[in-house]
């Protein structure tokens, strides 16, 4: 296993976090809606 340069690793981490944030923003309202709706059914 070869080591990546720190700048490359940070850039990769930034991309991963960015895509994770976008998917979290998409799924969070859905999850919240489900958890809020279910108790009242």
N, C-alpha and C. Protein backbone atom coordinates (compact mmCIF):
# COMPACT_ATOMS: atom_id res chain seq x y z
N UNK A 1 0.84 -1.20 0.00
CA UNK A 1 0.00 0.00 0.00
C UNK A 1 0.88 1.26 0.00
N UNK A 2 0.73 2.05 -1.03
CA UNK A 2 1.55 3.25 -1.12
C UNK A 2 0.83 4.44 -0.51
N UNK A 3 1.59 5.36 0.02
CA UNK A 3 1.00 6.52 0.68
C UNK A 3 0.69 7.62 -0.31
N UNK A 4 -0.47 8.23 -0.16
CA UNK A 4 -0.83 9.38 -0.98
C UNK A 4 -0.22 10.64 -0.41
N UNK A 5 0.09 11.61 -1.26
CA UNK A 5 0.50 12.93 -0.75
C UNK A 5 -0.64 13.54 0.06
N UNK A 6 -0.31 14.26 1.13
CA UNK A 6 -1.34 14.84 2.00
C UNK A 6 -2.36 15.68 1.22
N UNK A 7 -1.90 16.44 0.24
CA UNK A 7 -2.83 17.30 -0.50
C UNK A 7 -3.84 16.47 -1.28
N UNK A 8 -3.38 15.37 -1.86
CA UNK A 8 -4.27 14.49 -2.61
C UNK A 8 -5.29 13.86 -1.67
N UNK A 9 -4.81 13.42 -0.50
CA UNK A 9 -5.69 12.79 0.47
C UNK A 9 -6.75 13.76 0.95
N UNK A 10 -6.35 15.00 1.23
CA UNK A 10 -7.28 16.02 1.71
C UNK A 10 -8.31 16.33 0.62
N UNK A 11 -7.85 16.42 -0.62
CA UNK A 11 -8.75 16.69 -1.73
C UNK A 11 -9.77 15.56 -1.87
N UNK A 12 -9.29 14.31 -1.76
CA UNK A 12 -10.16 13.14 -1.85
C UNK A 12 -11.18 13.15 -0.71
N UNK A 13 -10.70 13.45 0.49
CA UNK A 13 -11.57 13.51 1.65
C UNK A 13 -12.63 14.59 1.49
N UNK A 14 -12.22 15.71 0.91
CA UNK A 14 -13.14 16.82 0.69
C UNK A 14 -14.25 16.42 -0.28
N UNK A 15 -13.90 15.70 -1.33
CA UNK A 15 -14.89 15.23 -2.31
C UNK A 15 -15.86 14.25 -1.65
N UNK A 16 -15.32 13.35 -0.85
CA UNK A 16 -16.17 12.36 -0.17
C UNK A 16 -17.14 13.06 0.79
N UNK A 17 -16.62 14.00 1.56
CA UNK A 17 -17.48 14.72 2.50
C UNK A 17 -18.54 15.54 1.77
N UNK A 18 -18.15 16.12 0.64
CA UNK A 18 -19.08 16.92 -0.15
C UNK A 18 -20.24 16.07 -0.65
N UNK A 19 -19.93 14.91 -1.21
CA UNK A 19 -20.98 14.04 -1.73
C UNK A 19 -21.82 13.47 -0.58
N UNK A 20 -21.17 13.20 0.56
CA UNK A 20 -21.91 12.71 1.72
C UNK A 20 -22.88 13.77 2.23
N UNK A 21 -22.42 15.02 2.27
CA UNK A 21 -23.29 16.11 2.71
C UNK A 21 -24.49 16.27 1.79
N UNK A 22 -24.26 16.17 0.48
CA UNK A 22 -25.36 16.32 -0.47
C UNK A 22 -26.38 15.20 -0.30
N UNK A 23 -25.92 13.97 -0.14
CA UNK A 23 -26.85 12.85 0.03
C UNK A 23 -27.55 12.94 1.38
N UNK A 24 -26.82 13.42 2.40
CA UNK A 24 -27.44 13.58 3.72
C UNK A 24 -28.55 14.63 3.67
N UNK A 25 -28.29 15.71 2.92
CA UNK A 25 -29.31 16.76 2.79
C UNK A 25 -30.52 16.25 2.04
N UNK A 26 -30.31 15.30 1.13
CA UNK A 26 -31.44 14.73 0.40
C UNK A 26 -32.24 13.78 1.29
N UNK A 27 -31.53 12.97 2.08
CA UNK A 27 -32.21 11.91 2.83
C UNK A 27 -32.74 12.37 4.18
N UNK A 28 -32.14 13.39 4.74
CA UNK A 28 -32.53 13.82 6.08
C UNK A 28 -34.00 14.23 6.17
N UNK A 29 -34.52 15.06 5.24
CA UNK A 29 -35.95 15.40 5.32
C UNK A 29 -36.84 14.18 5.21
N UNK A 30 -36.46 13.21 4.38
CA UNK A 30 -37.26 11.99 4.23
C UNK A 30 -37.29 11.21 5.54
N UNK A 31 -36.12 11.07 6.14
CA UNK A 31 -36.03 10.33 7.41
C UNK A 31 -36.82 11.05 8.50
N UNK A 32 -36.67 12.37 8.55
CA UNK A 32 -37.40 13.14 9.55
C UNK A 32 -38.90 13.04 9.33
N UNK A 33 -39.34 13.12 8.07
CA UNK A 33 -40.76 13.00 7.77
C UNK A 33 -41.29 11.65 8.23
N UNK A 34 -40.55 10.58 7.93
CA UNK A 34 -40.99 9.25 8.33
C UNK A 34 -41.07 9.14 9.85
N UNK A 35 -40.06 9.64 10.55
CA UNK A 35 -40.04 9.50 12.00
C UNK A 35 -41.09 10.40 12.65
N UNK A 36 -41.44 11.51 11.99
CA UNK A 36 -42.47 12.38 12.55
C UNK A 36 -43.88 11.89 12.22
N UNK A 37 -44.02 11.26 11.06
CA UNK A 37 -45.36 10.86 10.61
C UNK A 37 -45.81 9.58 11.30
N UNK A 38 -44.91 8.63 11.45
CA UNK A 38 -45.27 7.31 11.95
C UNK A 38 -46.01 7.34 13.30
N UNK A 39 -45.56 8.12 14.29
CA UNK A 39 -46.26 8.08 15.59
C UNK A 39 -47.71 8.56 15.51
N UNK A 40 -48.04 9.37 14.51
CA UNK A 40 -49.39 9.93 14.45
C UNK A 40 -50.34 9.09 13.61
N UNK A 41 -49.82 7.99 13.00
CA UNK A 41 -50.71 7.17 12.19
C UNK A 41 -51.58 6.27 13.05
